[in-house]
Amino acid sequence: WHKHDRPLYTMPMPQQTSKPLFTLLAAAALLILADQLNRLVVLTQRSSEDEKDTPDGSMPMPMLPSPSSTNTTVEVEKMVTRWGGGSWNPLPWSLPRVRGRRMQSSEEFMTELNQLKRSMNISLPWDNDNRNFSLPTPIISLNLPKSATLTLKEFFKCGGFISAHTFIPSTAVRLGDCIRDNFLTNDPPFRGCDRDNATKEEIQFYSDAGVQGFLRGPQCFYSSLNDGGLDHIAQHYPHATIVMMPRPFEDWYKSARKWGDGRLFGIWKRICNFTGSVGHCRTKDDEPCWRDFYEAHTVKVREYAKTHLDLTYVEVHL
């Protein structure tokens, strides 16, 4: 488990037998099951309206309980049936082709976007005389890992915003798991993960809200990479604020490559099937390909902001 996880369920380990190979395989199977049940026990049944069968006859997926919910019962058998035991293919994703294109600076892009909005009489929060303006909530950072996601969380927390990074506050449940599950049932992205589980305060800022997968659900999900993820945000939060803080690629690549000796790149390639927008990133050392991937991600979010002008978009280069 991640160092911040606190197991909510523990499976008993099998006793030692005279068949070490069989014991090892059995122990591995139990660990996998324990990881699945660790997630299941923090889920809850939907309301009576949501418990109706879906049009295709499948069981609607239980969601994370809201802080006000007192019903934490989980129908484990239905959950396991719904998720097919955890065997999933990567969800589809896409990035634009950027190789050979000049990358605008953050300042250049923000100037262009602000001019476009003003030409269409779309108000900008910072265009008023009051310097103490507020950004529309929820505020969602779409930065990739190793792009100041924790720094942004601390910045907004310092400014008085209830902020979440990686996990639903006061739980061991990842934001990315919650958002992905809601995406698959077309529920609001933060349904069931929009409050601090201890204080019950509504979360206003979200960061590092993707998930790399491993053993849970259909594994990887990033709203800014997987197909339909950005539409999912705009559909349910049409006036939300999107925040991006791109790093110089060389700095990001060095940091991401160092993390777990390139483990992030390995997970993205093997489990998520994320690669560059052209070709496949062969290894963690394929720097040109990962440059293509990182810059294409920034371009994708920028292009979405230019076609969805009701969203407030803020980009500052790190």
C-alpha atoms as a PDB file:
ATOM      1  CA  TRP A   1       0.000   0.000   0.000  1.00  0.00           C
ATOM      2  CA  HIS A   2       0.967   3.646  -0.441  1.00  0.00           C
ATOM      3  CA  LYS A   3       2.704   5.017   2.625  1.00  0.00           C
ATOM      4  CA  HIS A   4      -0.356   7.181   3.415  1.00  0.00           C
ATOM      5  CA  ASP A   5      -2.830   4.296   3.108  1.00  0.00           C
ATOM      6  CA  ARG A   6      -4.308   2.823   6.237  1.00  0.00           C
ATOM      7  CA  PRO A   7      -5.710  -0.623   5.431  1.00  0.00           C
ATOM      8  CA  LEU A   8      -9.408  -0.822   6.195  1.00  0.00           C
ATOM      9  CA  TYR A   9      -9.501  -4.567   5.823  1.00  0.00           C
ATOM     10  CA  THR A  10      -6.896  -7.238   6.516  1.00  0.00           C
ATOM     11  CA  MET A  11      -7.022 -10.757   5.144  1.00  0.00           C
ATOM     12  CA  PRO A  12      -5.541 -13.523   7.320  1.00  0.00           C
ATOM     13  CA  MET A  13      -2.435 -15.060   5.812  1.00  0.00           C
ATOM     14  CA  PRO A  14      -2.438 -18.830   5.193  1.00  0.00           C
ATOM     15  CA  GLN A  15      -0.517 -21.032   7.567  1.00  0.00           C
ATOM     16  CA  GLN A  16       2.829 -22.420   6.441  1.00  0.00           C
ATOM     17  CA  THR A  17       2.490 -25.732   4.622  1.00  0.00           C
ATOM     18  CA  SER A  18       4.847 -28.226   3.112  1.00  0.00           C
ATOM     19  CA  LYS A  19       4.105 -26.813  -0.353  1.00  0.00           C
ATOM     20  CA  PRO A  20       5.994 -23.489  -0.487  1.00  0.00           C
ATOM     21  CA  LEU A  21       5.042 -22.663  -4.090  1.00  0.00           C
ATOM     22  CA  PHE A  22       1.354 -23.267  -3.465  1.00  0.00           C
ATOM     23  CA  THR A  23       1.550 -21.201  -0.268  1.00  0.00           C
ATOM     24  CA  LEU A  24       3.243 -18.338  -2.105  1.00  0.00           C
ATOM     25  CA  LEU A  25       0.604 -18.297  -4.848  1.00  0.00           C
ATOM     26  CA  ALA A  26      -2.206 -18.490  -2.317  1.00  0.00           C
ATOM     27  CA  ALA A  27      -0.707 -15.631  -0.318  1.00  0.00           C
ATOM     28  CA  ALA A  28      -0.404 -13.504  -3.461  1.00  0.00           C
ATOM     29  CA  ALA A  29      -4.042 -14.167  -4.344  1.00  0.00           C
ATOM     30  CA  LEU A  30      -5.138 -13.188  -0.834  1.00  0.00           C
ATOM     31  CA  LEU A  31      -3.144  -9.957  -0.986  1.00  0.00           C
ATOM     32  CA  ILE A  32      -4.824  -9.031  -4.264  1.00  0.00           C
ATOM     33  CA  LEU A  33      -8.236  -9.798  -2.764  1.00  0.00           C
ATOM     34  CA  ALA A  34      -7.366  -7.766   0.325  1.00  0.00           C
ATOM     35  CA  ASP A  35      -6.533  -4.757  -1.846  1.00  0.00           C
ATOM     36  CA  GLN A  36      -9.868  -5.061  -3.635  1.00  0.00           C
ATOM     37  CA  LEU A  37     -11.783  -5.384  -0.366  1.00  0.00           C
ATOM     38  CA  ASN A  38      -9.862  -2.462   1.106  1.00  0.00           C
ATOM     39  CA  ARG A  39     -11.562  -0.291  -1.479  1.00  0.00           C
ATOM     40  CA  LEU A  40     -14.920  -2.016  -1.278  1.00  0.00           C
ATOM     41  CA  VAL A  41     -15.374  -1.412   2.431  1.00  0.00           C
ATOM     42  CA  VAL A  42     -15.219   2.377   1.979  1.00  0.00           C
ATOM     43  CA  LEU A  43     -17.890   2.328  -0.682  1.00  0.00           C
ATOM     44  CA  THR A  44     -21.607   2.534  -0.005  1.00  0.00           C
ATOM     45  CA  GLN A  45     -24.773   1.593  -1.756  1.00  0.00           C
ATOM     46  CA  ARG A  46     -26.426   4.246  -3.830  1.00  0.00           C
ATOM     47  CA  SER A  47     -29.680   5.856  -2.824  1.00  0.00           C
ATOM     48  CA  SER A  48     -32.831   3.887  -3.555  1.00  0.00           C
ATOM     49  CA  GLU A  49     -33.226   5.756  -6.840  1.00  0.00           C
ATOM     50  CA  ASP A  50     -29.683   4.920  -7.956  1.00  0.00           C
ATOM     51  CA  GLU A  51     -30.070   1.264  -7.016  1.00  0.00           C
ATOM     52  CA  LYS A  52     -32.395   0.639  -9.953  1.00  0.00           C
ATOM     53  CA  ASP A  53     -30.866  -1.496 -12.699  1.00  0.00           C
ATOM     54  CA  THR A  54     -29.190   0.304 -15.560  1.00  0.00           C
ATOM     55  CA  PRO A  55     -30.680  -0.003 -19.070  1.00  0.00           C
ATOM     56  CA  ASP A  56     -28.320  -2.858 -19.938  1.00  0.00           C
ATOM     57  CA  GLY A  57     -29.378  -4.769 -16.850  1.00  0.00           C
ATOM     58  CA  SER A  58     -26.108  -4.359 -14.974  1.00  0.00           C
ATOM     59  CA  MET A  59     -25.893  -3.334 -11.352  1.00  0.00           C
ATOM     60  CA  PRO A  60     -25.155   0.395 -10.856  1.00  0.00           C
ATOM     61  CA  MET A  61     -21.795   0.911  -9.207  1.00  0.00           C
ATOM     62  CA  PRO A  62     -21.874   1.937  -5.533  1.00  0.00           C
ATOM     63  CA  MET A  63     -20.105   5.222  -4.907  1.00  0.00           C
ATOM     64  CA  LEU A  64     -18.036   6.656  -2.092  1.00  0.00           C
ATOM     65  CA  PRO A  65     -20.236   7.741   0.820  1.00  0.00           C
ATOM     66  CA  SER A  66     -20.878  11.400   1.359  1.00  0.00           C
ATOM     67  CA  PRO A  67     -19.970  12.692   4.813  1.00  0.00           C
ATOM     68  CA  SER A  68     -23.644  12.968   5.733  1.00  0.00           C
ATOM     69  CA  SER A  69     -24.343   9.383   4.761  1.00  0.00           C
ATOM     70  CA  THR A  70     -24.997   6.938   7.582  1.00  0.00           C
ATOM     71  CA  ASN A  71     -25.449   3.899   5.346  1.00  0.00           C
ATOM     72  CA  THR A  72     -22.045   2.290   4.796  1.00  0.00           C
ATOM     73  CA  THR A  73     -23.295  -1.170   3.863  1.00  0.00           C
ATOM     74  CA  VAL A  74     -21.569  -2.730   0.891  1.00  0.00           C
ATOM     75  CA  GLU A  75     -22.920  -5.579  -1.172  1.00  0.00           C
ATOM     76  CA  VAL A  76     -19.544  -7.154  -1.850  1.00  0.00           C
ATOM     77  CA  GLU A  77     -20.826  -9.897  -4.124  1.00  0.00           C
ATOM     78  CA  LYS A  78     -22.596  -7.410  -6.402  1.00  0.00           C
ATOM     79  CA  MET A  79     -19.503  -5.211  -6.461  1.00  0.00           C
ATOM     80  CA  VAL A  80     -17.218  -8.069  -7.471  1.00  0.00           C
ATOM     81  CA  THR A  81     -19.698  -9.088 -10.161  1.00  0.00           C
ATOM     82  CA  ARG A  82     -19.961  -5.486 -11.412  1.00  0.00           C
ATOM     83  CA  TRP A  83     -16.202  -5.060 -11.675  1.00  0.00           C
ATOM     84  CA  GLY A  84     -15.470  -8.507 -13.049  1.00  0.00           C
ATOM     85  CA  GLY A  85     -12.842  -9.269 -10.415  1.00  0.00           C
ATOM     86  CA  GLY A  86     -10.647  -6.293 -11.303  1.00  0.00           C
ATOM     87  CA  SER A  87      -9.469  -7.415 -14.756  1.00  0.00           C
ATOM     88  CA  TRP A  88      -9.642  -4.352 -17.017  1.00  0.00           C
ATOM     89  CA  ASN A  89      -8.120  -2.977 -20.173  1.00  0.00           C
ATOM     90  CA  PRO A  90      -6.819   0.614 -20.142  1.00  0.00           C
ATOM     91  CA  LEU A  91      -9.469   3.269 -20.809  1.00  0.00           C
ATOM     92  CA  PRO A  92      -9.072   5.123 -24.148  1.00  0.00           C
ATOM     93  CA  TRP A  93      -7.053   8.331 -24.141  1.00  0.00           C
ATOM     94  CA  SER A  94      -5.775  10.840 -26.664  1.00  0.00           C
ATOM     95  CA  LEU A  95      -3.352  13.722 -27.089  1.00  0.00           C
ATOM     96  CA  PRO A  96      -2.878  16.165 -29.981  1.00  0.00           C
ATOM     97  CA  ARG A  97       0.177  16.001 -32.214  1.00  0.00           C
ATOM     98  CA  VAL A  98       2.629  18.672 -31.158  1.00  0.00           C
ATOM     99  CA  ARG A  99       5.964  17.536 -32.485  1.00  0.00           C
ATOM    100  CA  GLY A 100       7.475  20.355 -34.513  1.00  0.00           C
ATOM    101  CA  ARG A 101       5.039  22.954 -33.179  1.00  0.00           C
ATOM    102  CA  ARG A 102       6.286  25.960 -31.262  1.00  0.00           C
ATOM    103  CA  MET A 103       5.080  25.876 -27.667  1.00  0.00           C
ATOM    104  CA  GLN A 104       3.571  29.140 -26.455  1.00  0.00           C
ATOM    105  CA  SER A 105       4.699  30.379 -23.075  1.00  0.00           C
ATOM    106  CA  SER A 106       2.104  30.521 -20.311  1.00  0.00           C
ATOM    107  CA  GLU A 107       2.102  34.311 -20.521  1.00  0.00           C
ATOM    108  CA  GLU A 108       1.535  34.251 -24.288  1.00  0.00           C
ATOM    109  CA  PHE A 109      -1.335  31.800 -24.019  1.00  0.00           C
ATOM    110  CA  MET A 110      -3.055  33.625 -21.162  1.00  0.00           C
ATOM    111  CA  THR A 111      -2.804  36.922 -23.064  1.00  0.00           C
ATOM    112  CA  GLU A 112      -4.391  35.314 -26.128  1.00  0.00           C
ATOM    113  CA  LEU A 113      -7.156  33.626 -24.121  1.00  0.00           C
ATOM    114  CA  ASN A 114      -7.979  36.768 -22.126  1.00  0.00           C
ATOM    115  CA  GLN A 115      -8.204  38.841 -25.308  1.00  0.00           C
ATOM    116  CA  LEU A 116     -10.551  36.274 -26.837  1.00  0.00           C
ATOM    117  CA  LYS A 117     -12.849  36.347 -23.804  1.00  0.00           C
ATOM    118  CA  ARG A 118     -12.899  40.137 -23.627  1.00  0.00           C
ATOM    119  CA  SER A 119     -13.750  40.326 -27.341  1.00  0.00           C
ATOM    120  CA  MET A 120     -16.807  38.176 -26.571  1.00  0.00           C
ATOM    121  CA  ASN A 121     -17.758  40.220 -23.483  1.00  0.00           C
ATOM    122  CA  ILE A 122     -16.980  37.318 -21.148  1.00  0.00           C
ATOM    123  CA  SER A 123     -16.032  38.695 -17.745  1.00  0.00           C
ATOM    124  CA  LEU A 124     -12.753  37.715 -16.129  1.00  0.00           C
ATOM    125  CA  PRO A 125     -12.484  37.546 -12.326  1.00  0.00           C
ATOM    126  CA  TRP A 126      -9.325  39.689 -12.325  1.00  0.00           C
ATOM    127  CA  ASP A 127     -10.805  42.446 -14.525  1.00  0.00           C
ATOM    128  CA  ASN A 128     -12.583  44.217 -11.664  1.00  0.00           C
ATOM    129  CA  ASP A 129     -11.213  46.997  -9.491  1.00  0.00           C
ATOM    130  CA  ASN A 130     -11.182  44.852  -6.375  1.00  0.00           C
ATOM    131  CA  ARG A 131      -7.848  43.052  -6.030  1.00  0.00           C
ATOM    132  CA  ASN A 132      -9.436  40.573  -3.616  1.00  0.00           C
ATOM    133  CA  PHE A 133     -11.360  38.745  -6.314  1.00  0.00           C
ATOM    134  CA  SER A 134     -12.442  35.118  -5.957  1.00  0.00           C
ATOM    135  CA  LEU A 135     -12.075  32.282  -8.421  1.00  0.00           C
ATOM    136  CA  PRO A 136     -15.172  30.192  -9.194  1.00  0.00           C
ATOM    137  CA  THR A 137     -15.170  26.825  -7.454  1.00  0.00           C
ATOM    138  CA  PRO A 138     -14.432  24.012  -7.699  1.00  0.00           C
ATOM    139  CA  ILE A 139     -10.849  24.865  -8.626  1.00  0.00           C
ATOM    140  CA  ILE A 140      -9.201  21.904 -10.333  1.00  0.00           C
ATOM    141  CA  SER A 141      -5.502  21.534 -11.012  1.00  0.00           C
ATOM    142  CA  LEU A 142      -4.890  19.367 -14.072  1.00  0.00           C
ATOM    143  CA  ASN A 143      -1.126  19.281 -13.620  1.00  0.00           C
ATOM    144  CA  LEU A 144       0.524  15.929 -14.201  1.00  0.00           C
ATOM    145  CA  PRO A 145       2.387  14.351 -11.279  1.00  0.00           C
ATOM    146  CA  LYS A 146       5.717  16.006 -10.459  1.00  0.00           C
ATOM    147  CA  SER A 147       4.368  19.372 -11.649  1.00  0.00           C
ATOM    148  CA  ALA A 148       3.965  21.209  -8.350  1.00  0.00           C
ATOM    149  CA  THR A 149       0.714  19.469  -7.421  1.00  0.00           C
ATOM    150  CA  LEU A 150       1.489  19.539  -3.689  1.00  0.00           C
ATOM    151  CA  THR A 151       2.861  23.084  -3.897  1.00  0.00           C
ATOM    152  CA  LEU A 152      -0.411  24.259  -5.455  1.00  0.00           C
ATOM    153  CA  LYS A 153      -2.422  22.528  -2.754  1.00  0.00           C
ATOM    154  CA  GLU A 154      -0.419  24.268  -0.047  1.00  0.00           C
ATOM    155  CA  PHE A 155      -0.731  27.606  -1.863  1.00  0.00           C
ATOM    156  CA  PHE A 156      -4.532  27.444  -2.013  1.00  0.00           C
ATOM    157  CA  LYS A 157      -4.729  26.100   1.544  1.00  0.00           C
ATOM    158  CA  CYS A 158      -2.685  29.097   2.680  1.00  0.00           C
ATOM    159  CA  GLY A 159      -5.212  31.330   0.906  1.00  0.00           C
ATOM    160  CA  GLY A 160      -8.071  29.874   2.935  1.00  0.00           C
ATOM    161  CA  PHE A 161      -9.384  27.298   0.439  1.00  0.00           C
ATOM    162  CA  ILE A 162     -10.359  23.824   1.664  1.00  0.00           C
ATOM    163  CA  SER A 163      -7.902  21.804  -0.410  1.00  0.00           C
ATOM    164  CA  ALA A 164      -7.339  18.163  -1.327  1.00  0.00           C
ATOM    165  CA  HIS A 165      -4.246  16.509  -2.778  1.00  0.00           C
ATOM    166  CA  THR A 166      -4.190  12.872  -3.965  1.00  0.00           C
ATOM    167  CA  PHE A 167      -6.595  11.645  -1.261  1.00  0.00           C
ATOM    168  CA  ILE A 168     -10.012  12.627   0.031  1.00  0.00           C
ATOM    169  CA  PRO A 169      -9.007  14.514   3.203  1.00  0.00           C
ATOM    170  CA  SER A 170      -8.999  12.369   6.336  1.00  0.00           C
ATOM    171  CA  THR A 171      -9.290   9.121   4.359  1.00  0.00           C
ATOM    172  CA  ALA A 172      -7.032   6.706   2.476  1.00  0.00           C
ATOM    173  CA  VAL A 173      -9.246   6.891  -0.631  1.00  0.00           C
ATOM    174  CA  ARG A 174      -7.655   8.373  -3.737  1.00  0.00           C
ATOM    175  CA  LEU A 175      -9.421  11.224  -5.507  1.00  0.00           C
ATOM    176  CA  GLY A 176      -8.630   9.593  -8.839  1.00  0.00           C
ATOM    177  CA  ASP A 177     -10.523   6.429  -7.920  1.00  0.00           C
ATOM    178  CA  CYS A 178     -13.579   8.481  -6.997  1.00  0.00           C
ATOM    179  CA  ILE A 179     -13.464  10.653 -10.137  1.00  0.00           C
ATOM    180  CA  ARG A 180     -12.956   7.665 -12.433  1.00  0.00           C
ATOM    181  CA  ASP A 181     -15.860   5.754 -10.897  1.00  0.00           C
ATOM    182  CA  ASN A 182     -18.102   8.802 -11.299  1.00  0.00           C
ATOM    183  CA  PHE A 183     -16.921   9.215 -14.884  1.00  0.00           C
ATOM    184  CA  LEU A 184     -17.976   5.666 -15.737  1.00  0.00           C
ATOM    185  CA  THR A 185     -21.522   6.324 -14.480  1.00  0.00           C
ATOM    186  CA  ASN A 186     -21.689   9.982 -15.667  1.00  0.00           C
ATOM    187  CA  ASP A 187     -22.156  11.318 -12.169  1.00  0.00           C
ATOM    188  CA  PRO A 188     -20.565  14.617 -11.054  1.00  0.00           C
ATOM    189  CA  PRO A 189     -16.784  14.097 -10.819  1.00  0.00           C
ATOM    190  CA  PHE A 190     -16.593  14.844  -7.109  1.00  0.00           C
ATOM    191  CA  ARG A 191     -19.731  13.071  -5.984  1.00  0.00           C
ATOM    192  CA  GLY A 192     -18.849  11.320  -2.740  1.00  0.00           C
ATOM    193  CA  CYS A 193     -15.421  12.958  -2.502  1.00  0.00           C
ATOM    194  CA  ASP A 194     -16.294  16.636  -2.201  1.00  0.00           C
ATOM    195  CA  ARG A 195     -15.863  17.038   1.567  1.00  0.00           C
ATOM    196  CA  ASP A 196     -13.221  16.548   4.225  1.00  0.00           C
ATOM    197  CA  ASN A 197     -14.256  13.332   5.926  1.00  0.00           C
ATOM    198  CA  ALA A 198     -13.345  14.692   9.375  1.00  0.00           C
ATOM    199  CA  THR A 199     -14.494  18.327   9.311  1.00  0.00           C
ATOM    200  CA  LYS A 200     -17.296  17.835   6.725  1.00  0.00           C
ATOM    201  CA  GLU A 201     -16.129  21.055   5.015  1.00  0.00           C
ATOM    202  CA  GLU A 202     -16.707  21.262   1.274  1.00  0.00           C
ATOM    203  CA  ILE A 203     -13.515  20.946  -0.761  1.00  0.00           C
ATOM    204  CA  GLN A 204     -12.807  23.932  -3.011  1.00  0.00           C
ATOM    205  CA  PHE A 205      -9.457  23.008  -4.563  1.00  0.00           C
ATOM    206  CA  TYR A 206      -8.374  19.636  -5.999  1.00  0.00           C
ATOM    207  CA  SER A 207      -4.862  18.611  -7.028  1.00  0.00           C
ATOM    208  CA  ASP A 208      -3.190  15.364  -8.126  1.00  0.00           C
ATOM    209  CA  ALA A 209      -6.619  13.935  -8.863  1.00  0.00           C
ATOM    210  CA  GLY A 210      -5.503  11.239 -11.295  1.00  0.00           C
ATOM    211  CA  VAL A 211      -4.812   7.611 -10.467  1.00  0.00           C
ATOM    212  CA  GLN A 212      -2.201   5.247 -11.877  1.00  0.00           C
ATOM    213  CA  GLY A 213      -4.229   2.126 -11.363  1.00  0.00           C
ATOM    214  CA  PHE A 214      -2.456  -0.926  -9.943  1.00  0.00           C
ATOM    215  CA  LEU A 215      -5.240  -3.326  -8.868  1.00  0.00           C
ATOM    216  CA  ARG A 216      -8.321  -1.171  -8.413  1.00  0.00           C
ATOM    217  CA  GLY A 217     -11.253  -0.882 -10.777  1.00  0.00           C
ATOM    218  CA  PRO A 218     -10.466  -0.143 -14.425  1.00  0.00           C
ATOM    219  CA  GLN A 219      -7.121   1.202 -13.256  1.00  0.00           C
ATOM    220  CA  CYS A 220      -5.681   4.436 -14.664  1.00  0.00           C
ATOM    221  CA  PHE A 221      -7.657   7.625 -15.083  1.00  0.00           C
ATOM    222  CA  TYR A 222      -6.703  11.259 -15.670  1.00  0.00           C
ATOM    223  CA  SER A 223      -9.454  13.701 -16.650  1.00  0.00           C
ATOM    224  CA  SER A 224      -7.041  15.579 -18.925  1.00  0.00           C
ATOM    225  CA  LEU A 225      -5.749  12.461 -20.699  1.00  0.00           C
ATOM    226  CA  ASN A 226      -8.595   9.943 -20.918  1.00  0.00           C
ATOM    227  CA  ASP A 227     -11.214  10.552 -23.596  1.00  0.00           C
ATOM    228  CA  GLY A 228     -14.251  12.395 -22.271  1.00  0.00           C
ATOM    229  CA  GLY A 229     -12.598  13.392 -19.001  1.00  0.00           C
ATOM    230  CA  LEU A 230     -12.554  17.128 -19.682  1.00  0.00           C
ATOM    231  CA  ASP A 231     -16.136  17.023 -20.981  1.00  0.00           C
ATOM    232  CA  HIS A 232     -17.078  15.252 -17.757  1.00  0.00           C
ATOM    233  CA  ILE A 233     -15.814  18.242 -15.763  1.00  0.00           C
ATOM    234  CA  ALA A 234     -17.401  20.879 -18.020  1.00  0.00           C
ATOM    235  CA  GLN A 235     -20.749  19.091 -18.112  1.00  0.00           C
ATOM    236  CA  HIS A 236     -21.175  19.046 -14.342  1.00  0.00           C
ATOM    237  CA  TYR A 237     -19.151  22.151 -13.417  1.00  0.00           C
ATOM    238  CA  PRO A 238     -19.503  24.498 -16.414  1.00  0.00           C
ATOM    239  CA  HIS A 239     -18.172  27.496 -14.461  1.00  0.00           C
ATOM    240  CA  ALA A 240     -15.328  25.737 -12.661  1.00  0.00           C
ATOM    241  CA  THR A 241     -11.754  27.038 -12.571  1.00  0.00           C
ATOM    242  CA  ILE A 242      -9.013  25.016 -14.254  1.00  0.00           C
ATOM    243  CA  VAL A 243      -5.463  25.653 -13.051  1.00  0.00           C
ATOM    244  CA  MET A 244      -2.300  24.659 -14.908  1.00  0.00           C
ATOM    245  CA  MET A 245       1.288  25.253 -13.807  1.00  0.00           C
ATOM    246  CA  PRO A 246       3.578  23.729 -16.454  1.00  0.00           C
ATOM    247  CA  ARG A 247       7.213  23.162 -15.564  1.00  0.00           C
ATOM    248  CA  PRO A 248      10.109  23.447 -17.991  1.00  0.00           C
ATOM    249  CA  PHE A 249      10.185  19.988 -19.544  1.00  0.00           C
ATOM    250  CA  GLU A 250      13.767  19.314 -18.464  1.00  0.00           C
ATOM    251  CA  ASP A 251      12.863  19.931 -14.818  1.00  0.00           C
ATOM    252  CA  TRP A 252       9.718  17.813 -14.991  1.00  0.00           C
ATOM    253  CA  TYR A 253      11.488  14.949 -16.777  1.00  0.00           C
ATOM    254  CA  LYS A 254      14.333  14.899 -14.262  1.00  0.00           C
ATOM    255  CA  SER A 255      11.898  14.876 -11.337  1.00  0.00           C
ATOM    256  CA  ALA A 256       9.543  12.262 -12.837  1.00  0.00           C
ATOM    257  CA  ARG A 257      12.425  10.030 -13.934  1.00  0.00           C
ATOM    258  CA  LYS A 258      13.967  10.193 -10.472  1.00  0.00           C
ATOM    259  CA  TRP A 259      10.722   9.263  -8.700  1.00  0.00           C
ATOM    260  CA  GLY A 260      10.977   5.557  -7.926  1.00  0.00           C
ATOM    261  CA  ASP A 261      13.791   5.255 -10.486  1.00  0.00           C
ATOM    262  CA  GLY A 262      11.373   5.874 -13.346  1.00  0.00           C
ATOM    263  CA  ARG A 263       8.492   3.912 -11.827  1.00  0.00           C
ATOM    264  CA  LEU A 264       5.921   6.511 -12.921  1.00  0.00           C
ATOM    265  CA  PHE A 265       6.916   6.143 -16.570  1.00  0.00           C
ATOM    266  CA  GLY A 266       6.772   2.367 -16.241  1.00  0.00           C
ATOM    267  CA  ILE A 267       3.236   2.451 -14.801  1.00  0.00           C
ATOM    268  CA  TRP A 268       2.033   4.878 -17.477  1.00  0.00           C
ATOM    269  CA  LYS A 269       3.438   2.685 -20.229  1.00  0.00           C
ATOM    270  CA  ARG A 270       2.602  -0.828 -18.982  1.00  0.00           C
ATOM    271  CA  ILE A 271      -0.665  -0.288 -17.097  1.00  0.00           C
ATOM    272  CA  CYS A 272      -2.170   2.919 -18.483  1.00  0.00           C
ATOM    273  CA  ASN A 273      -0.846   2.513 -22.038  1.00  0.00           C
ATOM    274  CA  PHE A 274       0.077   6.231 -22.017  1.00  0.00           C
ATOM    275  CA  THR A 275       2.709   7.123 -24.581  1.00  0.00           C
ATOM    276  CA  GLY A 276       3.624  10.157 -26.659  1.00  0.00           C
ATOM    277  CA  SER A 277       1.089  11.659 -29.028  1.00  0.00           C
ATOM    278  CA  VAL A 278       3.146  10.143 -31.847  1.00  0.00           C
ATOM    279  CA  GLY A 279       4.817   6.774 -31.448  1.00  0.00           C
ATOM    280  CA  HIS A 280       5.393   4.820 -28.262  1.00  0.00           C
ATOM    281  CA  CYS A 281       7.742   5.820 -25.449  1.00  0.00           C
ATOM    282  CA  ARG A 282       9.957   2.743 -25.262  1.00  0.00           C
ATOM    283  CA  THR A 283      11.597   3.311 -21.878  1.00  0.00           C
ATOM    284  CA  LYS A 284      12.008   5.921 -19.165  1.00  0.00           C
ATOM    285  CA  ASP A 285      15.101   7.094 -21.067  1.00  0.00           C
ATOM    286  CA  ASP A 286      13.139   7.973 -24.229  1.00  0.00           C
ATOM    287  CA  GLU A 287      13.374  11.692 -23.494  1.00  0.00           C
ATOM    288  CA  PRO A 288      12.086  13.024 -26.873  1.00  0.00           C
ATOM    289  CA  CYS A 289       8.975  10.887 -26.597  1.00  0.00           C
ATOM    290  CA  TRP A 290       8.225  11.979 -23.016  1.00  0.00           C
ATOM    291  CA  ARG A 291       8.756  15.597 -24.049  1.00  0.00           C
ATOM    292  CA  ASP A 292       6.124  15.043 -26.713  1.00  0.00           C
ATOM    293  CA  PHE A 293       3.810  13.528 -24.090  1.00  0.00           C
ATOM    294  CA  TYR A 294       4.235  16.332 -21.544  1.00  0.00           C
ATOM    295  CA  GLU A 295       3.889  19.205 -24.008  1.00  0.00           C
ATOM    296  CA  ALA A 296       0.938  17.563 -25.782  1.00  0.00           C
ATOM    297  CA  HIS A 297      -0.870  17.332 -22.447  1.00  0.00           C
ATOM    298  CA  THR A 298      -0.463  21.076 -21.903  1.00  0.00           C
ATOM    299  CA  VAL A 299      -1.671  21.819 -25.442  1.00  0.00           C
ATOM    300  CA  LYS A 300      -4.729  19.597 -24.995  1.00  0.00           C
ATOM    301  CA  VAL A 301      -5.842  21.426 -21.853  1.00  0.00           C
ATOM    302  CA  ARG A 302      -5.194  24.828 -23.463  1.00  0.00           C
ATOM    303  CA  GLU A 303      -7.199  23.954 -26.568  1.00  0.00           C
ATOM    304  CA  TYR A 304     -10.086  22.820 -24.400  1.00  0.00           C
ATOM    305  CA  ALA A 305     -10.012  26.092 -22.467  1.00  0.00           C
ATOM    306  CA  LYS A 306     -10.223  28.048 -25.753  1.00  0.00           C
ATOM    307  CA  THR A 307     -13.362  26.193 -26.824  1.00  0.00           C
ATOM    308  CA  HIS A 308     -15.082  26.191 -23.412  1.00  0.00           C
ATOM    309  CA  LEU A 309     -14.976  29.838 -22.459  1.00  0.00           C
ATOM    310  CA  ASP A 310     -17.396  29.569 -19.542  1.00  0.00           C
ATOM    311  CA  LEU A 311     -14.629  27.811 -17.650  1.00  0.00           C
ATOM    312  CA  THR A 312     -12.174  30.089 -15.873  1.00  0.00           C
ATOM    313  CA  TYR A 313      -8.648  29.093 -16.913  1.00  0.00           C
ATOM    314  CA  VAL A 314      -5.514  30.120 -15.040  1.00  0.00           C
ATOM    315  CA  GLU A 315      -2.037  29.160 -16.184  1.00  0.00           C
ATOM    316  CA  VAL A 316       1.248  30.223 -14.601  1.00  0.00           C
ATOM    317  CA  HIS A 317       4.624  28.834 -15.638  1.00  0.00           C
ATOM    318  CA  LEU A 318       6.586  27.280 -12.789  1.00  0.00           C
END
